[in-house]
Amino acid sequence: MALESSKVPGLRYIQIFCMACAVGGDYMLIGIDMVDIARIRSVAIRVPRFLKRVFTEQELAYCFSKNDPYPSLAARFAVREAVRKLDAVFVEGISFHDTEVLSDSKGKPYLILHNAALHRAGEAGISDWSISLSHNREQAIAVIIAKRGG
C-alpha cells in the first residue's frame, strides 16, 4: 500500500508491513520500509535543512564519504520508518535523531537508539535488534528484527 508521508513534504514511501511472531515466550517483531532514492535526493536539494533534521553528524559523514550519498541516506531513512512500524510504542513521539545507523569496521550496519526510542524500547521489553539495508538504483529498503520478552 503506497502512503504519503506527512512528516517530510514531498517524500513518499511504501509501507510494507509490521508483524509479530511468537517464538517461545518471546515475540519476534519485524519492521520493513522501502524508500525511493530520488525522493530523498530531491528533498535534500530542495530543503537543505532536511539532512541535519533527519540524520546525525556521523551518519552524514559516512554517507557523504561515498561517491553517491543518496542510496545510503535513503536506506537510513527507511530504518527510521521501519522502527515506527516495528511496534506501536514507536509510532509517535520519536524524533529522527532518536534512531541512528552506524557501521562497524567491516561495514555491517547497526542501530543505536537514543532518548525516547531507547526509553520506550526498554519499557516495552524490546531488545536484540538486528538490521539489514539494501538498495538498487531506484529504491532502498530496511528490515529490522527485534525481540519482545513475553
N, C-alpha and C. Protein backbone atom coordinates (compact mmCIF):
# COMPACT_ATOMS: atom_id res chain seq x y z
N MET A 1 0.85 -1.16 0.00
CA MET A 1 0.00 0.00 0.00
C MET A 1 0.90 1.23 0.00
N ALA A 2 0.75 2.14 -0.94
CA ALA A 2 1.55 3.36 -1.00
C ALA A 2 0.92 4.43 -0.12
N LEU A 3 1.73 5.15 0.61
CA LEU A 3 1.25 6.19 1.51
C LEU A 3 2.07 7.45 1.32
N GLU A 4 1.46 8.59 1.54
CA GLU A 4 2.18 9.85 1.55
C GLU A 4 2.69 10.10 2.96
N SER A 5 3.94 10.49 3.08
CA SER A 5 4.49 10.83 4.39
C SER A 5 4.10 12.25 4.74
N SER A 6 3.48 12.46 5.89
CA SER A 6 3.08 13.80 6.29
C SER A 6 4.21 14.50 7.06
N LYS A 7 5.24 13.78 7.44
CA LYS A 7 6.31 14.37 8.25
C LYS A 7 7.34 15.10 7.39
N VAL A 8 7.54 14.66 6.15
CA VAL A 8 8.53 15.27 5.27
C VAL A 8 7.84 15.63 3.96
N PRO A 9 7.66 16.93 3.69
CA PRO A 9 6.95 17.35 2.48
C PRO A 9 7.61 16.78 1.22
N GLY A 10 6.78 16.27 0.33
CA GLY A 10 7.28 15.79 -0.94
C GLY A 10 7.88 14.39 -0.89
N LEU A 11 7.95 13.78 0.27
CA LEU A 11 8.57 12.47 0.39
C LEU A 11 7.49 11.40 0.42
N ARG A 12 7.60 10.43 -0.47
CA ARG A 12 6.66 9.31 -0.49
C ARG A 12 7.43 8.06 -0.13
N TYR A 13 6.74 7.15 0.48
CA TYR A 13 7.35 5.86 0.79
C TYR A 13 6.30 4.78 0.69
N ILE A 14 6.75 3.57 0.63
CA ILE A 14 5.84 2.44 0.55
C ILE A 14 5.88 1.72 1.89
N GLN A 15 4.74 1.57 2.50
CA GLN A 15 4.65 0.82 3.75
C GLN A 15 4.53 -0.65 3.39
N ILE A 16 5.46 -1.46 3.86
CA ILE A 16 5.43 -2.87 3.53
C ILE A 16 4.63 -3.61 4.59
N PHE A 17 5.18 -3.82 5.77
CA PHE A 17 4.40 -4.45 6.83
C PHE A 17 5.14 -4.40 8.15
N CYS A 18 4.39 -4.68 9.19
CA CYS A 18 4.93 -4.86 10.52
C CYS A 18 4.23 -6.09 11.07
N MET A 19 4.99 -6.97 11.65
CA MET A 19 4.36 -8.17 12.17
C MET A 19 5.06 -8.63 13.43
N ALA A 20 4.38 -9.42 14.21
CA ALA A 20 4.95 -10.03 15.40
C ALA A 20 4.68 -11.52 15.33
N CYS A 21 5.71 -12.30 15.58
CA CYS A 21 5.58 -13.75 15.56
C CYS A 21 6.02 -14.29 16.91
N ALA A 22 5.25 -15.21 17.45
CA ALA A 22 5.61 -15.81 18.73
C ALA A 22 6.75 -16.79 18.53
N VAL A 23 7.79 -16.66 19.37
CA VAL A 23 8.93 -17.57 19.35
C VAL A 23 9.19 -17.93 20.80
N GLY A 24 8.77 -19.11 21.22
CA GLY A 24 8.88 -19.48 22.63
C GLY A 24 8.01 -18.54 23.43
N GLY A 25 8.56 -17.96 24.52
CA GLY A 25 7.83 -17.00 25.33
C GLY A 25 8.02 -15.58 24.85
N ASP A 26 8.81 -15.40 23.80
CA ASP A 26 9.11 -14.08 23.28
C ASP A 26 8.34 -13.84 21.97
N TYR A 27 8.30 -12.57 21.57
CA TYR A 27 7.74 -12.22 20.28
C TYR A 27 8.83 -11.66 19.41
N MET A 28 8.86 -12.12 18.17
CA MET A 28 9.78 -11.58 17.19
C MET A 28 9.04 -10.46 16.48
N LEU A 29 9.60 -9.26 16.49
CA LEU A 29 9.00 -8.10 15.83
C LEU A 29 9.75 -7.82 14.54
N ILE A 30 9.03 -7.48 13.49
CA ILE A 30 9.65 -7.19 12.21
C ILE A 30 9.07 -5.89 11.67
N GLY A 31 9.95 -4.98 11.26
CA GLY A 31 9.52 -3.76 10.59
C GLY A 31 10.29 -3.61 9.29
N ILE A 32 9.60 -3.26 8.23
CA ILE A 32 10.23 -3.12 6.91
C ILE A 32 9.75 -1.81 6.29
N ASP A 33 10.67 -1.14 5.60
CA ASP A 33 10.28 0.05 4.85
C ASP A 33 11.13 0.18 3.60
N MET A 34 10.53 0.73 2.55
CA MET A 34 11.22 0.95 1.29
C MET A 34 11.07 2.43 0.92
N VAL A 35 12.16 3.04 0.47
CA VAL A 35 12.17 4.48 0.17
C VAL A 35 12.71 4.70 -1.25
N ASP A 36 12.09 5.61 -1.95
CA ASP A 36 12.54 5.99 -3.28
C ASP A 36 13.76 6.92 -3.15
N ILE A 37 14.90 6.51 -3.67
CA ILE A 37 16.15 7.28 -3.53
C ILE A 37 16.03 8.66 -4.17
N ALA A 38 15.37 8.74 -5.31
CA ALA A 38 15.21 10.04 -5.99
C ALA A 38 14.46 11.04 -5.13
N ARG A 39 13.53 10.58 -4.32
CA ARG A 39 12.78 11.49 -3.44
C ARG A 39 13.67 12.04 -2.33
N ILE A 40 14.54 11.20 -1.79
CA ILE A 40 15.47 11.68 -0.76
C ILE A 40 16.40 12.72 -1.39
N ARG A 41 16.92 12.43 -2.57
CA ARG A 41 17.79 13.38 -3.27
C ARG A 41 17.06 14.69 -3.51
N SER A 42 15.84 14.61 -4.00
CA SER A 42 15.05 15.79 -4.31
C SER A 42 14.78 16.64 -3.07
N VAL A 43 14.35 16.01 -2.00
CA VAL A 43 14.06 16.74 -0.77
C VAL A 43 15.34 17.37 -0.21
N ALA A 44 16.44 16.63 -0.25
CA ALA A 44 17.71 17.15 0.28
C ALA A 44 18.18 18.38 -0.50
N ILE A 45 17.95 18.38 -1.79
CA ILE A 45 18.35 19.53 -2.62
C ILE A 45 17.39 20.70 -2.42
N ARG A 46 16.09 20.41 -2.37
CA ARG A 46 15.07 21.46 -2.23
C ARG A 46 15.03 22.07 -0.84
N VAL A 47 15.25 21.23 0.19
CA VAL A 47 15.14 21.67 1.59
C VAL A 47 16.46 21.34 2.29
N PRO A 48 17.46 22.22 2.22
CA PRO A 48 18.78 21.91 2.75
C PRO A 48 18.80 21.49 4.22
N ARG A 49 17.91 22.02 5.04
CA ARG A 49 17.91 21.66 6.47
C ARG A 49 17.42 20.23 6.71
N PHE A 50 16.82 19.61 5.69
CA PHE A 50 16.31 18.24 5.81
C PHE A 50 17.40 17.28 6.31
N LEU A 51 18.58 17.36 5.74
CA LEU A 51 19.64 16.42 6.10
C LEU A 51 19.99 16.48 7.58
N LYS A 52 20.20 17.70 8.10
CA LYS A 52 20.57 17.82 9.52
C LYS A 52 19.39 17.55 10.45
N ARG A 53 18.19 17.75 9.96
CA ARG A 53 16.99 17.48 10.76
C ARG A 53 16.77 15.98 10.92
N VAL A 54 17.12 15.21 9.90
CA VAL A 54 16.82 13.78 9.89
C VAL A 54 18.01 12.92 10.32
N PHE A 55 19.21 13.26 9.88
CA PHE A 55 20.37 12.39 10.08
C PHE A 55 21.36 13.00 11.08
N THR A 56 22.07 12.11 11.79
CA THR A 56 23.09 12.58 12.73
C THR A 56 24.35 12.96 11.96
N GLU A 57 25.24 13.66 12.64
CA GLU A 57 26.51 14.06 12.01
C GLU A 57 27.31 12.86 11.55
N GLN A 58 27.33 11.79 12.36
CA GLN A 58 28.08 10.59 11.98
C GLN A 58 27.48 9.92 10.75
N GLU A 59 26.15 9.89 10.67
CA GLU A 59 25.50 9.31 9.50
C GLU A 59 25.81 10.13 8.25
N LEU A 60 25.75 11.45 8.37
CA LEU A 60 26.03 12.31 7.22
C LEU A 60 27.48 12.14 6.77
N ALA A 61 28.41 12.08 7.72
CA ALA A 61 29.82 11.90 7.37
C ALA A 61 30.02 10.58 6.62
N TYR A 62 29.41 9.52 7.10
CA TYR A 62 29.53 8.22 6.44
C TYR A 62 28.94 8.27 5.03
N CYS A 63 27.72 8.76 4.91
CA CYS A 63 27.04 8.77 3.61
C CYS A 63 27.76 9.65 2.60
N PHE A 64 28.23 10.82 3.04
CA PHE A 64 28.89 11.74 2.12
C PHE A 64 30.34 11.37 1.84
N SER A 65 30.84 10.30 2.46
CA SER A 65 32.15 9.77 2.10
C SER A 65 32.06 8.91 0.85
N LYS A 66 30.86 8.62 0.41
CA LYS A 66 30.62 7.81 -0.78
C LYS A 66 30.45 8.71 -2.00
N ASN A 67 30.69 8.15 -3.19
CA ASN A 67 30.52 8.92 -4.43
C ASN A 67 29.10 9.44 -4.57
N ASP A 68 28.13 8.60 -4.25
CA ASP A 68 26.72 8.99 -4.28
C ASP A 68 26.13 8.72 -2.90
N PRO A 69 25.90 9.76 -2.10
CA PRO A 69 25.43 9.54 -0.73
C PRO A 69 23.96 9.15 -0.62
N TYR A 70 23.17 9.37 -1.68
CA TYR A 70 21.73 9.26 -1.56
C TYR A 70 21.19 7.84 -1.34
N PRO A 71 21.76 6.80 -1.94
CA PRO A 71 21.27 5.46 -1.59
C PRO A 71 21.46 5.14 -0.10
N SER A 72 22.59 5.53 0.46
CA SER A 72 22.84 5.28 1.89
C SER A 72 21.93 6.13 2.77
N LEU A 73 21.69 7.36 2.36
CA LEU A 73 20.76 8.22 3.11
C LEU A 73 19.35 7.65 3.06
N ALA A 74 18.93 7.19 1.89
CA ALA A 74 17.59 6.62 1.74
C ALA A 74 17.44 5.37 2.60
N ALA A 75 18.47 4.53 2.65
CA ALA A 75 18.41 3.32 3.48
C ALA A 75 18.28 3.69 4.95
N ARG A 76 18.99 4.73 5.38
CA ARG A 76 18.91 5.16 6.78
C ARG A 76 17.56 5.80 7.09
N PHE A 77 16.98 6.48 6.12
CA PHE A 77 15.63 7.00 6.31
C PHE A 77 14.64 5.83 6.44
N ALA A 78 14.82 4.81 5.61
CA ALA A 78 13.97 3.63 5.68
C ALA A 78 14.05 2.96 7.04
N VAL A 79 15.24 2.97 7.67
CA VAL A 79 15.37 2.42 9.02
C VAL A 79 14.47 3.18 9.98
N ARG A 80 14.48 4.49 9.91
CA ARG A 80 13.65 5.28 10.81
C ARG A 80 12.16 4.94 10.67
N GLU A 81 11.74 4.76 9.43
CA GLU A 81 10.34 4.40 9.20
C GLU A 81 10.06 2.96 9.64
N ALA A 82 11.00 2.06 9.42
CA ALA A 82 10.82 0.65 9.83
C ALA A 82 10.73 0.54 11.35
N VAL A 83 11.47 1.39 12.08
CA VAL A 83 11.37 1.40 13.55
C VAL A 83 9.95 1.75 13.95
N ARG A 84 9.37 2.74 13.30
CA ARG A 84 8.00 3.14 13.62
C ARG A 84 7.00 2.02 13.35
N LYS A 85 7.29 1.20 12.37
CA LYS A 85 6.41 0.09 12.02
C LYS A 85 6.66 -1.15 12.85
N LEU A 86 7.78 -1.20 13.53
CA LEU A 86 8.15 -2.38 14.32
C LEU A 86 7.17 -2.65 15.45
N ASP A 87 6.76 -1.58 16.14
CA ASP A 87 5.86 -1.73 17.28
C ASP A 87 5.14 -0.41 17.52
N ALA A 88 3.94 -0.49 18.05
CA ALA A 88 3.11 0.70 18.29
C ALA A 88 3.77 1.71 19.22
N VAL A 89 4.68 1.29 20.10
CA VAL A 89 5.32 2.24 21.03
C VAL A 89 6.20 3.25 20.29
N PHE A 90 6.54 2.97 19.04
CA PHE A 90 7.41 3.87 18.27
C PHE A 90 6.66 4.72 17.25
N VAL A 91 5.34 4.61 17.19
CA VAL A 91 4.58 5.31 16.16
C VAL A 91 4.65 6.83 16.33
N GLU A 92 4.51 7.32 17.55
CA GLU A 92 4.54 8.77 17.80
C GLU A 92 5.55 9.10 18.88
N GLY A 93 6.02 10.34 18.86
CA GLY A 93 6.89 10.83 19.93
C GLY A 93 8.35 10.45 19.80
N ILE A 94 8.74 9.90 18.65
CA ILE A 94 10.14 9.54 18.41
C ILE A 94 10.68 10.51 17.37
N SER A 95 11.76 11.21 17.70
CA SER A 95 12.33 12.14 16.72
C SER A 95 13.29 11.38 15.80
N PHE A 96 13.61 11.99 14.68
CA PHE A 96 14.52 11.36 13.73
C PHE A 96 15.85 11.02 14.38
N HIS A 97 16.35 11.90 15.25
CA HIS A 97 17.66 11.68 15.87
C HIS A 97 17.62 10.67 17.01
N ASP A 98 16.45 10.16 17.34
CA ASP A 98 16.35 9.12 18.37
C ASP A 98 16.79 7.76 17.83
N THR A 99 16.95 7.66 16.52
CA THR A 99 17.49 6.45 15.91
C THR A 99 18.69 6.84 15.06
N GLU A 100 19.71 6.00 15.08
CA GLU A 100 20.94 6.30 14.35
C GLU A 100 21.49 4.98 13.80
N VAL A 101 21.94 5.02 12.55
CA VAL A 101 22.54 3.83 11.94
C VAL A 101 24.01 4.12 11.69
N LEU A 102 24.85 3.31 12.31
CA LEU A 102 26.29 3.39 12.10
C LEU A 102 26.75 2.07 11.51
N SER A 103 28.03 2.00 11.12
CA SER A 103 28.58 0.77 10.56
C SER A 103 29.81 0.36 11.35
N ASP A 104 29.97 -0.95 11.53
CA ASP A 104 31.15 -1.43 12.24
C ASP A 104 32.37 -1.41 11.30
N SER A 105 33.50 -1.88 11.77
CA SER A 105 34.74 -1.81 10.99
C SER A 105 34.68 -2.63 9.70
N LYS A 106 33.77 -3.58 9.62
CA LYS A 106 33.62 -4.40 8.42
C LYS A 106 32.50 -3.88 7.51
N GLY A 107 31.87 -2.77 7.90
CA GLY A 107 30.82 -2.17 7.09
C GLY A 107 29.41 -2.63 7.42
N LYS A 108 29.26 -3.51 8.41
CA LYS A 108 27.93 -4.00 8.78
C LYS A 108 27.18 -2.92 9.55
N PRO A 109 25.98 -2.55 9.09
CA PRO A 109 25.22 -1.51 9.79
C PRO A 109 24.63 -2.02 11.10
N TYR A 110 24.52 -1.11 12.05
CA TYR A 110 23.85 -1.44 13.31
C TYR A 110 23.08 -0.22 13.77
N LEU A 111 22.05 -0.48 14.58
CA LEU A 111 21.14 0.55 15.04
C LEU A 111 21.47 0.97 16.46
N ILE A 112 21.47 2.27 16.69
CA ILE A 112 21.61 2.81 18.04
C ILE A 112 20.34 3.60 18.35
N LEU A 113 19.76 3.33 19.49
CA LEU A 113 18.58 4.07 19.94
C LEU A 113 19.02 5.12 20.95
N HIS A 114 18.40 6.28 20.88
CA HIS A 114 18.67 7.38 21.81
C HIS A 114 17.34 7.88 22.40
N ASN A 115 17.44 8.58 23.49
CA ASN A 115 16.32 9.34 24.07
C ASN A 115 15.01 8.55 24.13
N ALA A 116 13.95 9.09 23.52
CA ALA A 116 12.62 8.48 23.62
C ALA A 116 12.58 7.06 23.06
N ALA A 117 13.28 6.81 21.96
CA ALA A 117 13.28 5.47 21.37
C ALA A 117 13.90 4.46 22.32
N LEU A 118 15.01 4.84 22.94
CA LEU A 118 15.68 3.96 23.89
C LEU A 118 14.79 3.71 25.11
N HIS A 119 14.19 4.77 25.63
CA HIS A 119 13.31 4.66 26.79
C HIS A 119 12.12 3.75 26.51
N ARG A 120 11.47 3.96 25.37
CA ARG A 120 10.29 3.16 25.03
C ARG A 120 10.64 1.70 24.77
N ALA A 121 11.77 1.46 24.13
CA ALA A 121 12.20 0.08 23.89
C ALA A 121 12.42 -0.64 25.22
N GLY A 122 13.06 0.06 26.15
CA GLY A 122 13.29 -0.53 27.47
C GLY A 122 12.01 -0.83 28.21
N GLU A 123 11.09 0.12 28.20
CA GLU A 123 9.81 -0.07 28.88
C GLU A 123 9.00 -1.21 28.26
N ALA A 124 9.08 -1.36 26.95
CA ALA A 124 8.31 -2.39 26.25
C ALA A 124 9.01 -3.74 26.22
N GLY A 125 10.24 -3.79 26.73
CA GLY A 125 10.99 -5.05 26.74
C GLY A 125 11.46 -5.47 25.36
N ILE A 126 11.73 -4.48 24.49
CA ILE A 126 12.19 -4.77 23.13
C ILE A 126 13.71 -4.72 23.12
N SER A 127 14.32 -5.81 22.63
CA SER A 127 15.79 -5.91 22.65
C SER A 127 16.26 -6.74 21.45
N ASP A 128 17.54 -7.01 21.43
CA ASP A 128 18.16 -7.86 20.41
C ASP A 128 17.83 -7.39 18.99
N TRP A 129 18.13 -6.14 18.72
CA TRP A 129 17.84 -5.53 17.43
C TRP A 129 18.83 -5.99 16.36
N SER A 130 18.34 -6.21 15.19
CA SER A 130 19.18 -6.54 14.04
C SER A 130 18.60 -5.82 12.83
N ILE A 131 19.48 -5.25 12.00
CA ILE A 131 19.00 -4.54 10.81
C ILE A 131 19.72 -5.05 9.57
N SER A 132 19.05 -4.89 8.46
CA SER A 132 19.64 -5.18 7.17
C SER A 132 19.20 -4.08 6.21
N LEU A 133 20.15 -3.56 5.45
CA LEU A 133 19.89 -2.49 4.49
C LEU A 133 20.29 -2.95 3.10
N SER A 134 19.57 -2.50 2.11
CA SER A 134 19.94 -2.79 0.73
C SER A 134 19.36 -1.71 -0.17
N HIS A 135 19.91 -1.61 -1.37
CA HIS A 135 19.35 -0.67 -2.34
C HIS A 135 19.73 -1.10 -3.75
N ASN A 136 18.93 -0.64 -4.70
CA ASN A 136 19.28 -0.76 -6.10
C ASN A 136 19.38 0.67 -6.62
N ARG A 137 19.26 0.89 -7.90
CA ARG A 137 19.39 2.25 -8.43
C ARG A 137 18.26 3.18 -8.01
N GLU A 138 17.08 2.61 -7.76
CA GLU A 138 15.92 3.45 -7.51
C GLU A 138 15.40 3.45 -6.09
N GLN A 139 15.57 2.34 -5.38
CA GLN A 139 14.95 2.23 -4.06
C GLN A 139 15.93 1.66 -3.04
N ALA A 140 15.68 2.05 -1.79
CA ALA A 140 16.43 1.50 -0.66
C ALA A 140 15.43 0.83 0.27
N ILE A 141 15.87 -0.23 0.93
CA ILE A 141 15.00 -0.96 1.83
C ILE A 141 15.73 -1.21 3.14
N ALA A 142 14.97 -1.23 4.22
CA ALA A 142 15.49 -1.56 5.54
C ALA A 142 14.58 -2.58 6.18
N VAL A 143 15.20 -3.58 6.80
CA VAL A 143 14.47 -4.60 7.54
C VAL A 143 15.02 -4.58 8.96
N ILE A 144 14.13 -4.55 9.93
CA ILE A 144 14.54 -4.58 11.33
C ILE A 144 13.83 -5.74 12.01
N ILE A 145 14.60 -6.49 12.77
CA ILE A 145 14.05 -7.58 13.58
C ILE A 145 14.47 -7.33 15.02
N ALA A 146 13.55 -7.48 15.94
CA ALA A 146 13.84 -7.30 17.35
C ALA A 146 13.00 -8.30 18.14
N LYS A 147 13.32 -8.43 19.40
CA LYS A 147 12.61 -9.38 20.25
C LYS A 147 11.91 -8.62 21.37
N ARG A 148 10.68 -9.05 21.66
CA ARG A 148 9.95 -8.52 22.81
C ARG A 148 9.75 -9.69 23.77
N GLY A 149 10.24 -9.51 24.99
CA GLY A 149 10.10 -10.57 26.00
C GLY A 149 8.65 -10.82 26.32
N GLY A 150 8.30 -12.12 26.45
CA GLY A 150 6.91 -12.49 26.69
C GLY A 150 6.63 -12.60 28.09
